[in-house]
């Protein structure tokens, strides 16, 4: 799944050791999606090696790819949104606009006679 938005909050990294003795770490962020009538905020987690690989800061415009998983504990259900990839939009890099449906793309001008390679 994917969602686009702006990072509005980055929480500090958290780490620890599991009962099995394995070390773990996670980094949590909040993304605000404004594609609709009402802004939506989504808290998500980068876990394990993704906590090191994905480094975001407030103000970054991103496309986040994620999985959703729920688990039960003591009769209650908890849901995690785990990010596995996040593409940061580069400032000044506007996406190429596609022509409107039914409108032909402009035809490039032919090169001058002396510009042909033969």
PDB file of N, CA and C in Angstrom:
ATOM      1  N   UNK A   1       0.849  -1.166   0.000  1.00  0.00           N
ATOM      2  CA  UNK A   1       0.000   0.000   0.000  1.00  0.00           C
ATOM      3  C   UNK A   1       0.899   1.234   0.000  1.00  0.00           C
ATOM      4  N   UNK A   2       0.352   2.354  -0.418  1.00  0.00           N
ATOM      5  CA  UNK A   2       1.135   3.588  -0.413  1.00  0.00           C
ATOM      6  C   UNK A   2       0.248   4.776  -0.086  1.00  0.00           C
ATOM      7  N   UNK A   3       0.886   5.829   0.413  1.00  0.00           N
ATOM      8  CA  UNK A   3       0.202   7.074   0.733  1.00  0.00           C
ATOM      9  C   UNK A   3       1.198   8.213   0.544  1.00  0.00           C
ATOM     10  N   UNK A   4       0.710   9.362   0.089  1.00  0.00           N
ATOM     11  CA  UNK A   4       1.557  10.538  -0.089  1.00  0.00           C
ATOM     12  C   UNK A   4       1.189  11.569   0.965  1.00  0.00           C
ATOM     13  N   UNK A   5       2.191  12.323   1.384  1.00  0.00           N
ATOM     14  CA  UNK A   5       1.929  13.366   2.361  1.00  0.00           C
ATOM     15  C   UNK A   5       3.205  14.038   2.811  1.00  0.00           C
ATOM     16  N   UNK A   6       3.090  14.793   3.891  1.00  0.00           N
ATOM     17  CA  UNK A   6       4.203  15.550   4.456  1.00  0.00           C
ATOM     18  C   UNK A   6       4.480  15.044   5.863  1.00  0.00           C
ATOM     19  N   UNK A   7       5.761  14.834   6.168  1.00  0.00           N
ATOM     20  CA  UNK A   7       6.148  14.422   7.518  1.00  0.00           C
ATOM     21  C   UNK A   7       5.957  15.625   8.437  1.00  0.00           C
ATOM     22  N   UNK A   8       5.164  15.437   9.504  1.00  0.00           N
ATOM     23  CA  UNK A   8       4.925  16.556  10.427  1.00  0.00           C
ATOM     24  C   UNK A   8       5.577  16.323  11.787  1.00  0.00           C
ATOM     25  N   UNK A   9       6.009  15.081  12.053  1.00  0.00           N
ATOM     26  CA  UNK A   9       6.656  14.815  13.344  1.00  0.00           C
ATOM     27  C   UNK A   9       7.556  13.594  13.221  1.00  0.00           C
ATOM     28  N   UNK A  10       8.750  13.685  13.812  1.00  0.00           N
ATOM     29  CA  UNK A  10       9.685  12.551  13.868  1.00  0.00           C
ATOM     30  C   UNK A  10      10.024  12.306  15.332  1.00  0.00           C
ATOM     31  N   UNK A  11       9.676  11.116  15.826  1.00  0.00           N
ATOM     32  CA  UNK A  11       9.952  10.779  17.219  1.00  0.00           C
ATOM     33  C   UNK A  11      11.377  10.233  17.346  1.00  0.00           C
ATOM     34  N   UNK A  12      11.953  10.276  18.538  1.00  0.00           N
ATOM     35  CA  UNK A  12      13.301   9.732  18.733  1.00  0.00           C
ATOM     36  C   UNK A  12      13.325   8.218  18.532  1.00  0.00           C
ATOM     37  N   UNK A  13      14.484   7.728  18.137  1.00  0.00           N
ATOM     38  CA  UNK A  13      14.655   6.286  17.955  1.00  0.00           C
ATOM     39  C   UNK A  13      14.533   5.567  19.297  1.00  0.00           C
ATOM     40  N   UNK A  14      13.903   4.396  19.282  1.00  0.00           N
ATOM     41  CA  UNK A  14      13.737   3.569  20.472  1.00  0.00           C
ATOM     42  C   UNK A  14      14.388   2.227  20.170  1.00  0.00           C
ATOM     43  N   UNK A  15      15.115   1.676  21.146  1.00  0.00           N
ATOM     44  CA  UNK A  15      15.753   0.374  20.932  1.00  0.00           C
ATOM     45  C   UNK A  15      15.672  -0.437  22.218  1.00  0.00           C
ATOM     46  N   UNK A  16      15.951  -1.734  22.078  1.00  0.00           N
ATOM     47  CA  UNK A  16      15.898  -2.608  23.235  1.00  0.00           C
ATOM     48  C   UNK A  16      16.359  -4.002  22.870  1.00  0.00           C
ATOM     49  N   UNK A  17      16.108  -4.938  23.769  1.00  0.00           N
ATOM     50  CA  UNK A  17      16.470  -6.334  23.574  1.00  0.00           C
ATOM     51  C   UNK A  17      15.225  -7.170  23.853  1.00  0.00           C
ATOM     52  N   UNK A  18      14.916  -8.099  22.929  1.00  0.00           N
ATOM     53  CA  UNK A  18      13.731  -8.947  23.097  1.00  0.00           C
ATOM     54  C   UNK A  18      13.973 -10.009  24.155  1.00  0.00           C
ATOM     55  N   UNK A  19      12.910 -10.727  24.544  1.00  0.00           N
ATOM     56  CA  UNK A  19      13.037 -11.819  25.513  1.00  0.00           C
ATOM     57  C   UNK A  19      13.984 -12.901  24.999  1.00  0.00           C
ATOM     58  N   UNK A  20      14.068 -13.031  23.680  1.00  0.00           N
ATOM     59  CA  UNK A  20      14.953 -14.030  23.076  1.00  0.00           C
ATOM     60  C   UNK A  20      16.400 -13.551  23.014  1.00  0.00           C
ATOM     61  N   UNK A  21      16.659 -12.317  23.439  1.00  0.00           N
ATOM     62  CA  UNK A  21      18.025 -11.786  23.446  1.00  0.00           C
ATOM     63  C   UNK A  21      18.427 -11.072  22.167  1.00  0.00           C
ATOM     64  N   UNK A  22      17.487 -10.835  21.272  1.00  0.00           N
ATOM     65  CA  UNK A  22      17.784 -10.132  20.017  1.00  0.00           C
ATOM     66  C   UNK A  22      17.585  -8.631  20.201  1.00  0.00           C
ATOM     67  N   UNK A  23      18.530  -7.852  19.699  1.00  0.00           N
ATOM     68  CA  UNK A  23      18.373  -6.395  19.799  1.00  0.00           C
ATOM     69  C   UNK A  23      17.438  -5.925  18.686  1.00  0.00           C
ATOM     70  N   UNK A  24      16.718  -4.844  18.963  1.00  0.00           N
ATOM     71  CA  UNK A  24      15.800  -4.261  17.997  1.00  0.00           C
ATOM     72  C   UNK A  24      15.820  -2.754  18.133  1.00  0.00           C
ATOM     73  N   UNK A  25      15.340  -2.065  17.091  1.00  0.00           N
ATOM     74  CA  UNK A  25      15.187  -0.613  17.150  1.00  0.00           C
ATOM     75  C   UNK A  25      14.074  -0.202  16.205  1.00  0.00           C
ATOM     76  N   UNK A  26      13.477   0.946  16.512  1.00  0.00           N
ATOM     77  CA  UNK A  26      12.419   1.471  15.666  1.00  0.00           C
ATOM     78  C   UNK A  26      12.431   2.990  15.710  1.00  0.00           C
ATOM     79  N   UNK A  27      11.924   3.574  14.669  1.00  0.00           N
ATOM     80  CA  UNK A  27      11.797   5.028  14.563  1.00  0.00           C
ATOM     81  C   UNK A  27      10.377   5.300  14.095  1.00  0.00           C
ATOM     82  N   UNK A  28       9.684   6.223  14.763  1.00  0.00           N
ATOM     83  CA  UNK A  28       8.299   6.509  14.429  1.00  0.00           C
ATOM     84  C   UNK A  28       8.168   7.930  13.874  1.00  0.00           C
ATOM     85  N   UNK A  29       7.258   8.065  12.924  1.00  0.00           N
ATOM     86  CA  UNK A  29       6.993   9.336  12.254  1.00  0.00           C
ATOM     87  C   UNK A  29       5.481   9.535  12.170  1.00  0.00           C
ATOM     88  N   UNK A  30       5.079  10.796  11.908  1.00  0.00           N
ATOM     89  CA  UNK A  30       3.680  11.102  11.626  1.00  0.00           C
ATOM     90  C   UNK A  30       3.644  11.811  10.285  1.00  0.00           C
ATOM     91  N   UNK A  31       2.806  11.286   9.385  1.00  0.00           N
ATOM     92  CA  UNK A  31       2.632  11.841   8.050  1.00  0.00           C
ATOM     93  C   UNK A  31       1.250  12.478   7.987  1.00  0.00           C
ATOM     94  N   UNK A  32       1.149  13.632   7.330  1.00  0.00           N
ATOM     95  CA  UNK A  32      -0.155  14.253   7.122  1.00  0.00           C
ATOM     96  C   UNK A  32      -0.484  14.199   5.645  1.00  0.00           C
ATOM     97  N   UNK A  33      -1.609  13.576   5.331  1.00  0.00           N
ATOM     98  CA  UNK A  33      -2.076  13.442   3.954  1.00  0.00           C
ATOM     99  C   UNK A  33      -3.170  14.477   3.749  1.00  0.00           C
ATOM    100  N   UNK A  34      -3.011  15.331   2.744  1.00  0.00           N
ATOM    101  CA  UNK A  34      -3.996  16.388   2.508  1.00  0.00           C
ATOM    102  C   UNK A  34      -4.738  16.192   1.195  1.00  0.00           C
ATOM    103  N   UNK A  35      -4.685  14.981   0.629  1.00  0.00           N
ATOM    104  CA  UNK A  35      -5.386  14.699  -0.626  1.00  0.00           C
ATOM    105  C   UNK A  35      -6.837  14.337  -0.351  1.00  0.00           C
ATOM    106  N   UNK A  36      -7.651  15.241  -0.100  1.00  0.00           N
ATOM    107  CA  UNK A  36      -9.057  14.973   0.194  1.00  0.00           C
ATOM    108  C   UNK A  36      -9.657  16.190   0.862  1.00  0.00           C
ATOM    109  N   UNK A  37     -10.882  16.046   1.304  1.00  0.00           N
ATOM    110  CA  UNK A  37     -11.561  17.175   1.944  1.00  0.00           C
ATOM    111  C   UNK A  37     -10.992  17.490   3.319  1.00  0.00           C
ATOM    112  N   UNK A  38     -10.505  16.456   4.024  1.00  0.00           N
ATOM    113  CA  UNK A  38     -10.012  16.656   5.379  1.00  0.00           C
ATOM    114  C   UNK A  38      -8.611  16.068   5.500  1.00  0.00           C
ATOM    115  N   UNK A  39      -7.684  16.787   6.133  1.00  0.00           N
ATOM    116  CA  UNK A  39      -6.336  16.230   6.333  1.00  0.00           C
ATOM    117  C   UNK A  39      -6.400  14.990   7.223  1.00  0.00           C
ATOM    118  N   UNK A  40      -5.574  14.006   6.904  1.00  0.00           N
ATOM    119  CA  UNK A  40      -5.494  12.796   7.715  1.00  0.00           C
ATOM    120  C   UNK A  40      -4.074  12.635   8.201  1.00  0.00           C
ATOM    121  N   UNK A  41      -3.938  12.278   9.450  1.00  0.00           N
ATOM    122  CA  UNK A  41      -2.624  12.040  10.043  1.00  0.00           C
ATOM    123  C   UNK A  41      -2.447  10.537  10.222  1.00  0.00           C
ATOM    124  N   UNK A  42      -1.256  10.036   9.857  1.00  0.00           N
ATOM    125  CA  UNK A  42      -0.956   8.614   9.952  1.00  0.00           C
ATOM    126  C   UNK A  42       0.366   8.455  10.685  1.00  0.00           C
ATOM    127  N   UNK A  43       0.344   7.759  11.826  1.00  0.00           N
ATOM    128  CA  UNK A  43       1.575   7.441  12.555  1.00  0.00           C
ATOM    129  C   UNK A  43       2.066   6.100  12.023  1.00  0.00           C
ATOM    130  N   UNK A  44       3.361   6.023  11.707  1.00  0.00           N
ATOM    131  CA  UNK A  44       3.923   4.785  11.191  1.00  0.00           C
ATOM    132  C   UNK A  44       5.291   4.525  11.775  1.00  0.00           C
ATOM    133  N   UNK A  45       5.741   3.280  11.632  1.00  0.00           N
ATOM    134  CA  UNK A  45       6.990   2.831  12.235  1.00  0.00           C
ATOM    135  C   UNK A  45       7.949   2.324  11.166  1.00  0.00           C
ATOM    136  N   UNK A  46       9.223   2.675  11.317  1.00  0.00           N
ATOM    137  CA  UNK A  46      10.314   2.063  10.553  1.00  0.00           C
ATOM    138  C   UNK A  46      11.039   1.174  11.549  1.00  0.00           C
ATOM    139  N   UNK A  47      11.063  -0.128  11.291  1.00  0.00           N
ATOM    140  CA  UNK A  47      11.563  -1.097  12.258  1.00  0.00           C
ATOM    141  C   UNK A  47      12.818  -1.783  11.737  1.00  0.00           C
ATOM    142  N   UNK A  48      13.739  -2.109  12.637  1.00  0.00           N
ATOM    143  CA  UNK A  48      14.948  -2.854  12.278  1.00  0.00           C
ATOM    144  C   UNK A  48      15.865  -2.062  11.366  1.00  0.00           C
ATOM    145  N   UNK A  49      16.313  -2.696  10.282  1.00  0.00           N
ATOM    146  CA  UNK A  49      17.246  -2.027   9.369  1.00  0.00           C
ATOM    147  C   UNK A  49      16.604  -0.830   8.683  1.00  0.00           C
ATOM    148  N   UNK A  50      15.272  -0.822   8.553  1.00  0.00           N
ATOM    149  CA  UNK A  50      14.594   0.336   7.960  1.00  0.00           C
ATOM    150  C   UNK A  50      14.713   1.579   8.843  1.00  0.00           C
ATOM    151  N   UNK A  51      14.900   1.399  10.148  1.00  0.00           N
ATOM    152  CA  UNK A  51      15.086   2.543  11.048  1.00  0.00           C
ATOM    153  C   UNK A  51      16.374   3.285  10.713  1.00  0.00           C
ATOM    154  N   UNK A  52      17.392   2.558  10.246  1.00  0.00           N
ATOM    155  CA  UNK A  52      18.647   3.196   9.835  1.00  0.00           C
ATOM    156  C   UNK A  52      18.571   3.724   8.411  1.00  0.00           C
ATOM    157  N   UNK A  53      17.941   2.950   7.534  1.00  0.00           N
ATOM    158  CA  UNK A  53      17.915   3.273   6.110  1.00  0.00           C
ATOM    159  C   UNK A  53      16.992   4.446   5.794  1.00  0.00           C
ATOM    160  N   UNK A  54      15.862   4.538   6.463  1.00  0.00           N
ATOM    161  CA  UNK A  54      14.878   5.590   6.188  1.00  0.00           C
ATOM    162  C   UNK A  54      15.047   6.705   7.213  1.00  0.00           C
ATOM    163  N   UNK A  55      15.567   7.825   6.773  1.00  0.00           N
ATOM    164  CA  UNK A  55      15.791   8.977   7.640  1.00  0.00           C
ATOM    165  C   UNK A  55      14.948  10.141   7.116  1.00  0.00           C
ATOM    166  N   UNK A  56      13.931  10.531   7.867  1.00  0.00           N
ATOM    167  CA  UNK A  56      13.022  11.597   7.450  1.00  0.00           C
ATOM    168  C   UNK A  56      13.050  12.735   8.455  1.00  0.00           C
ATOM    169  N   UNK A  57      12.637  13.906   7.998  1.00  0.00           N
ATOM    170  CA  UNK A  57      12.563  15.055   8.898  1.00  0.00           C
ATOM    171  C   UNK A  57      11.266  15.812   8.622  1.00  0.00           C
ATOM    172  N   UNK A  58      10.761  16.536   9.613  1.00  0.00           N
ATOM    173  CA  UNK A  58       9.536  17.300   9.395  1.00  0.00           C
ATOM    174  C   UNK A  58       9.675  18.222   8.191  1.00  0.00           C
ATOM    175  N   UNK A  59       8.620  18.258   7.383  1.00  0.00           N
ATOM    176  CA  UNK A  59       8.614  19.075   6.171  1.00  0.00           C
ATOM    177  C   UNK A  59       8.894  18.273   4.909  1.00  0.00           C
ATOM    178  N   UNK A  60       9.460  17.059   5.044  1.00  0.00           N
ATOM    179  CA  UNK A  60       9.719  16.222   3.867  1.00  0.00           C
ATOM    180  C   UNK A  60       8.392  15.809   3.242  1.00  0.00           C
ATOM    181  N   UNK A  61       8.291  15.973   1.923  1.00  0.00           N
ATOM    182  CA  UNK A  61       7.133  15.481   1.179  1.00  0.00           C
ATOM    183  C   UNK A  61       7.513  14.095   0.665  1.00  0.00           C
ATOM    184  N   UNK A  62       6.704  13.098   1.003  1.00  0.00           N
ATOM    185  CA  UNK A  62       7.086  11.718   0.745  1.00  0.00           C
ATOM    186  C   UNK A  62       5.944  10.898   0.135  1.00  0.00           C
ATOM    187  N   UNK A  63       6.352   9.804  -0.493  1.00  0.00           N
ATOM    188  CA  UNK A  63       5.441   8.716  -0.835  1.00  0.00           C
ATOM    189  C   UNK A  63       5.892   7.549   0.019  1.00  0.00           C
ATOM    190  N   UNK A  64       5.020   7.104   0.915  1.00  0.00           N
ATOM    191  CA  UNK A  64       5.368   6.046   1.854  1.00  0.00           C
ATOM    192  C   UNK A  64       4.700   4.747   1.419  1.00  0.00           C
ATOM    193  N   UNK A  65       5.487   3.665   1.409  1.00  0.00           N
ATOM    194  CA  UNK A  65       4.994   2.329   1.091  1.00  0.00           C
ATOM    195  C   UNK A  65       4.998   1.535   2.393  1.00  0.00           C
ATOM    196  N   UNK A  66       3.903   0.836   2.684  1.00  0.00           N
ATOM    197  CA  UNK A  66       3.765   0.237   4.006  1.00  0.00           C
ATOM    198  C   UNK A  66       2.919  -1.021   3.979  1.00  0.00           C
ATOM    199  N   UNK A  67       3.005  -1.769   5.061  1.00  0.00           N
ATOM    200  CA  UNK A  67       2.144  -2.920   5.333  1.00  0.00           C
ATOM    201  C   UNK A  67       1.401  -2.641   6.630  1.00  0.00           C
ATOM    202  N   UNK A  68       0.195  -3.158   6.732  1.00  0.00           N
ATOM    203  CA  UNK A  68      -0.602  -3.022   7.948  1.00  0.00           C
ATOM    204  C   UNK A  68      -0.755  -4.407   8.567  1.00  0.00           C
ATOM    205  N   UNK A  69      -0.527  -4.492   9.869  1.00  0.00           N
ATOM    206  CA  UNK A  69      -0.666  -5.768  10.569  1.00  0.00           C
ATOM    207  C   UNK A  69      -1.322  -5.529  11.922  1.00  0.00           C
ATOM    208  N   UNK A  70      -2.248  -6.405  12.279  1.00  0.00           N
ATOM    209  CA  UNK A  70      -2.904  -6.321  13.584  1.00  0.00           C
ATOM    210  C   UNK A  70      -2.595  -7.575  14.385  1.00  0.00           C
ATOM    211  N   UNK A  71      -2.557  -7.415  15.704  1.00  0.00           N
ATOM    212  CA  UNK A  71      -2.318  -8.558  16.588  1.00  0.00           C
ATOM    213  C   UNK A  71      -3.146  -8.378  17.844  1.00  0.00           C
ATOM    214  N   UNK A  72      -3.441  -9.515  18.485  1.00  0.00           N
ATOM    215  CA  UNK A  72      -4.255  -9.507  19.692  1.00  0.00           C
ATOM    216  C   UNK A  72      -3.364  -9.708  20.914  1.00  0.00           C
ATOM    217  N   UNK A  73      -3.660  -8.966  21.978  1.00  0.00           N
ATOM    218  CA  UNK A  73      -2.957  -9.121  23.242  1.00  0.00           C
ATOM    219  C   UNK A  73      -3.947  -8.868  24.360  1.00  0.00           C
ATOM    220  N   UNK A  74      -4.170  -9.844  25.195  1.00  0.00           N
ATOM    221  CA  UNK A  74      -5.072  -9.741  26.353  1.00  0.00           C
ATOM    222  C   UNK A  74      -6.470  -9.258  25.961  1.00  0.00           C
ATOM    223  N   UNK A  75      -6.973  -9.809  24.868  1.00  0.00           N
ATOM    224  CA  UNK A  75      -8.332  -9.476  24.460  1.00  0.00           C
ATOM    225  C   UNK A  75      -8.487  -8.167  23.706  1.00  0.00           C
ATOM    226  N   UNK A  76      -7.413  -7.444  23.473  1.00  0.00           N
ATOM    227  CA  UNK A  76      -7.463  -6.183  22.719  1.00  0.00           C
ATOM    228  C   UNK A  76      -6.654  -6.351  21.443  1.00  0.00           C
ATOM    229  N   UNK A  77      -7.022  -5.615  20.419  1.00  0.00           N
ATOM    230  CA  UNK A  77      -6.322  -5.675  19.142  1.00  0.00           C
ATOM    231  C   UNK A  77      -5.523  -4.397  18.922  1.00  0.00           C
ATOM    232  N   UNK A  78      -4.311  -4.564  18.416  1.00  0.00           N
ATOM    233  CA  UNK A  78      -3.407  -3.459  18.145  1.00  0.00           C
ATOM    234  C   UNK A  78      -2.982  -3.532  16.681  1.00  0.00           C
ATOM    235  N   UNK A  79      -2.902  -2.384  16.037  1.00  0.00           N
ATOM    236  CA  UNK A  79      -2.559  -2.322  14.623  1.00  0.00           C
ATOM    237  C   UNK A  79      -1.267  -1.526  14.438  1.00  0.00           C
ATOM    238  N   UNK A  80      -0.363  -2.082  13.633  1.00  0.00           N
ATOM    239  CA  UNK A  80       0.897  -1.412  13.291  1.00  0.00           C
ATOM    240  C   UNK A  80       0.894  -1.068  11.810  1.00  0.00           C
ATOM    241  N   UNK A  81       1.413   0.111  11.493  1.00  0.00           N
ATOM    242  CA  UNK A  81       1.659   0.498  10.109  1.00  0.00           C
ATOM    243  C   UNK A  81       3.173   0.544   9.975  1.00  0.00           C
ATOM    244  N   UNK A  82       3.728  -0.431   9.249  1.00  0.00           N
ATOM    245  CA  UNK A  82       5.181  -0.547   9.112  1.00  0.00           C
ATOM    246  C   UNK A  82       5.627  -0.120   7.722  1.00  0.00           C
ATOM    247  N   UNK A  83       6.439   0.914   7.697  1.00  0.00           N
ATOM    248  CA  UNK A  83       6.979   1.447   6.451  1.00  0.00           C
ATOM    249  C   UNK A  83       8.156   0.581   6.008  1.00  0.00           C
ATOM    250  N   UNK A  84       8.172   0.186   4.734  1.00  0.00           N
ATOM    251  CA  UNK A  84       9.303  -0.576   4.206  1.00  0.00           C
ATOM    252  C   UNK A  84      10.043   0.190   3.117  1.00  0.00           C
ATOM    253  N   UNK A  85       9.457   1.320   2.659  1.00  0.00           N
ATOM    254  CA  UNK A  85      10.139   2.186   1.694  1.00  0.00           C
ATOM    255  C   UNK A  85       9.494   3.558   1.760  1.00  0.00           C
ATOM    256  N   UNK A  86      10.313   4.590   1.589  1.00  0.00           N
ATOM    257  CA  UNK A  86       9.793   5.946   1.618  1.00  0.00           C
ATOM    258  C   UNK A  86      10.580   6.783   0.617  1.00  0.00           C
ATOM    259  N   UNK A  87       9.911   7.293  -0.400  1.00  0.00           N
ATOM    260  CA  UNK A  87      10.559   8.138  -1.412  1.00  0.00           C
ATOM    261  C   UNK A  87      10.322   9.594  -1.047  1.00  0.00           C
ATOM    262  N   UNK A  88      11.421  10.350  -0.902  1.00  0.00           N
ATOM    263  CA  UNK A  88      11.327  11.765  -0.558  1.00  0.00           C
ATOM    264  C   UNK A  88      11.334  12.575  -1.843  1.00  0.00           C
ATOM    265  N   UNK A  89      10.355  13.474  -1.988  1.00  0.00           N
ATOM    266  CA  UNK A  89      10.284  14.350  -3.157  1.00  0.00           C
ATOM    267  C   UNK A  89      11.401  15.380  -3.063  1.00  0.00           C
ATOM    268  N   UNK A  90      12.172  15.501  -4.124  1.00  0.00           N
ATOM    269  CA  UNK A  90      13.271  16.464  -4.141  1.00  0.00           C
ATOM    270  C   UNK A  90      12.714  17.854  -4.444  1.00  0.00           C
ATOM    271  N   UNK A  91      13.171  18.892  -3.700  1.00  0.00           N
ATOM    272  CA  UNK A  91      12.684  20.247  -3.951  1.00  0.00           C
ATOM    273  C   UNK A  91      13.031  20.675  -5.377  1.00  0.00           C
ATOM    274  N   UNK A  92      12.069  21.305  -6.044  1.00  0.00           N
ATOM    275  CA  UNK A  92      12.300  21.806  -7.397  1.00  0.00           C
ATOM    276  C   UNK A  92      12.123  20.744  -8.463  1.00  0.00           C
ATOM    277  N   UNK A  93      11.918  19.491  -8.096  1.00  0.00           N
ATOM    278  CA  UNK A  93      11.732  18.422  -9.077  1.00  0.00           C
ATOM    279  C   UNK A  93      10.238  18.217  -9.264  1.00  0.00           C
ATOM    280  N   UNK A  94       9.673  18.938 -10.228  1.00  0.00           N
ATOM    281  CA  UNK A  94       8.246  18.814 -10.497  1.00  0.00           C
ATOM    282  C   UNK A  94       8.024  17.617 -11.408  1.00  0.00           C
ATOM    283  N   UNK A  95       6.991  16.842 -11.161  1.00  0.00           N
ATOM    284  CA  UNK A  95       6.719  15.714 -12.040  1.00  0.00           C
ATOM    285  C   UNK A  95       6.328  16.194 -13.425  1.00  0.00           C
ATOM    286  N   UNK A  96       6.697  15.419 -14.436  1.00  0.00           N
ATOM    287  CA  UNK A  96       6.364  15.783 -15.809  1.00  0.00           C
ATOM    288  C   UNK A  96       4.859  15.690 -15.978  1.00  0.00           C
ATOM    289  N   UNK A  97       4.283  16.760 -16.509  1.00  0.00           N
ATOM    290  CA  UNK A  97       2.832  16.794 -16.692  1.00  0.00           C
ATOM    291  C   UNK A  97       2.465  16.028 -17.953  1.00  0.00           C
ATOM    292  N   UNK A  98       1.537  15.119 -17.829  1.00  0.00           N
ATOM    293  CA  UNK A  98       1.047  14.373 -18.985  1.00  0.00           C
ATOM    294  C   UNK A  98       0.012  15.226 -19.702  1.00  0.00           C
ATOM    295  N   UNK A  99      -0.078  15.096 -21.039  1.00  0.00           N
ATOM    296  CA  UNK A  99      -1.095  15.873 -21.744  1.00  0.00           C
ATOM    297  C   UNK A  99      -2.489  15.438 -21.312  1.00  0.00           C
ATOM    298  N   UNK A 100      -3.416  16.354 -21.365  1.00  0.00           N
ATOM    299  CA  UNK A 100      -4.798  16.043 -20.993  1.00  0.00           C
ATOM    300  C   UNK A 100      -5.349  14.999 -21.955  1.00  0.00           C
ATOM    301  N   UNK A 101      -6.291  14.182 -21.495  1.00  0.00           N
ATOM    302  CA  UNK A 101      -6.870  13.165 -22.379  1.00  0.00           C
ATOM    303  C   UNK A 101      -7.467  13.811 -23.621  1.00  0.00           C
ATOM    304  N   UNK A 102      -7.174  13.227 -24.771  1.00  0.00           N
ATOM    305  CA  UNK A 102      -7.694  13.742 -26.030  1.00  0.00           C
ATOM    306  C   UNK A 102      -6.868  14.861 -26.625  1.00  0.00           C
ATOM    307  N   UNK A 103      -5.816  15.277 -25.946  1.00  0.00           N
ATOM    308  CA  UNK A 103      -4.954  16.339 -26.455  1.00  0.00           C
ATOM    309  C   UNK A 103      -3.631  15.722 -26.861  1.00  0.00           C
ATOM    310  N   UNK A 104      -3.228  15.980 -28.105  1.00  0.00           N
ATOM    311  CA  UNK A 104      -1.982  15.414 -28.605  1.00  0.00           C
ATOM    312  C   UNK A 104      -0.796  16.172 -28.023  1.00  0.00           C
ATOM    313  N   UNK A 105       0.275  15.436 -27.757  1.00  0.00           N
ATOM    314  CA  UNK A 105       1.500  16.066 -27.266  1.00  0.00           C
ATOM    315  C   UNK A 105       2.121  16.877 -28.402  1.00  0.00           C
ATOM    316  N   UNK A 106       2.797  17.987 -28.089  1.00  0.00           N
ATOM    317  CA  UNK A 106       3.402  18.786 -29.156  1.00  0.00           C
ATOM    318  C   UNK A 106       4.475  17.990 -29.885  1.00  0.00           C
ATOM    319  N   UNK A 107       4.572  18.231 -31.190  1.00  0.00           N
ATOM    320  CA  UNK A 107       5.563  17.547 -32.020  1.00  0.00           C
ATOM    321  C   UNK A 107       6.839  18.372 -31.984  1.00  0.00           C
ATOM    322  N   UNK A 108       7.987  17.728 -31.662  1.00  0.00           N
ATOM    323  CA  UNK A 108       9.230  18.494 -31.618  1.00  0.00           C
ATOM    324  C   UNK A 108       9.628  18.979 -33.010  1.00  0.00           C
ATOM    325  N   UNK A 109      10.279  20.122 -33.050  1.00  0.00           N
ATOM    326  CA  UNK A 109      10.716  20.697 -34.321  1.00  0.00           C
ATOM    327  C   UNK A 109      11.811  19.826 -34.927  1.00  0.00           C
ATOM    328  N   UNK A 110      11.844  19.765 -36.258  1.00  0.00           N
ATOM    329  CA  UNK A 110      12.872  18.988 -36.957  1.00  0.00           C
ATOM    330  C   UNK A 110      14.209  19.708 -36.815  1.00  0.00           C
ATOM    331  N   UNK A 111      15.311  18.962 -36.736  1.00  0.00           N
ATOM    332  CA  UNK A 111      16.623  19.612 -36.625  1.00  0.00           C
ATOM    333  C   UNK A 111      16.976  20.351 -37.910  1.00  0.00           C
ATOM    334  N   UNK A 112      17.802  21.367 -37.771  1.00  0.00           N
ATOM    335  CA  UNK A 112      18.263  22.115 -38.939  1.00  0.00           C
ATOM    336  C   UNK A 112      19.054  21.178 -39.839  1.00  0.00           C
ATOM    337  N   UNK A 113      19.146  21.537 -41.117  1.00  0.00           N
ATOM    338  CA  UNK A 113      19.786  20.662 -42.115  1.00  0.00           C
ATOM    339  C   UNK A 113      21.215  20.303 -41.747  1.00  0.00           C
ATOM    340  N   UNK A 114      21.976  21.213 -41.167  1.00  0.00           N
ATOM    341  CA  UNK A 114      23.369  20.934 -40.833  1.00  0.00           C
ATOM    342  C   UNK A 114      23.517  20.165 -39.525  1.00  0.00           C
ATOM    343  N   UNK A 115      22.427  19.820 -38.815  1.00  0.00           N
ATOM    344  CA  UNK A 115      22.500  19.077 -37.563  1.00  0.00           C
ATOM    345  C   UNK A 115      22.360  17.572 -37.752  1.00  0.00           C
ATOM    346  N   UNK A 116      22.075  17.096 -38.981  1.00  0.00           N
ATOM    347  CA  UNK A 116      21.959  15.664 -39.209  1.00  0.00           C
ATOM    348  C   UNK A 116      23.337  15.011 -39.117  1.00  0.00           C
ATOM    349  N   UNK A 117      23.433  13.798 -38.522  1.00  0.00           N
ATOM    350  CA  UNK A 117      24.733  13.161 -38.344  1.00  0.00           C
ATOM    351  C   UNK A 117      25.282  12.509 -39.602  1.00  0.00           C
ATOM    352  N   UNK A 118      24.647  12.643 -40.762  1.00  0.00           N
ATOM    353  CA  UNK A 118      25.167  12.024 -41.981  1.00  0.00           C
ATOM    354  C   UNK A 118      25.320  13.005 -43.094  1.00  0.00           C
TER     355      UNK A 118
END
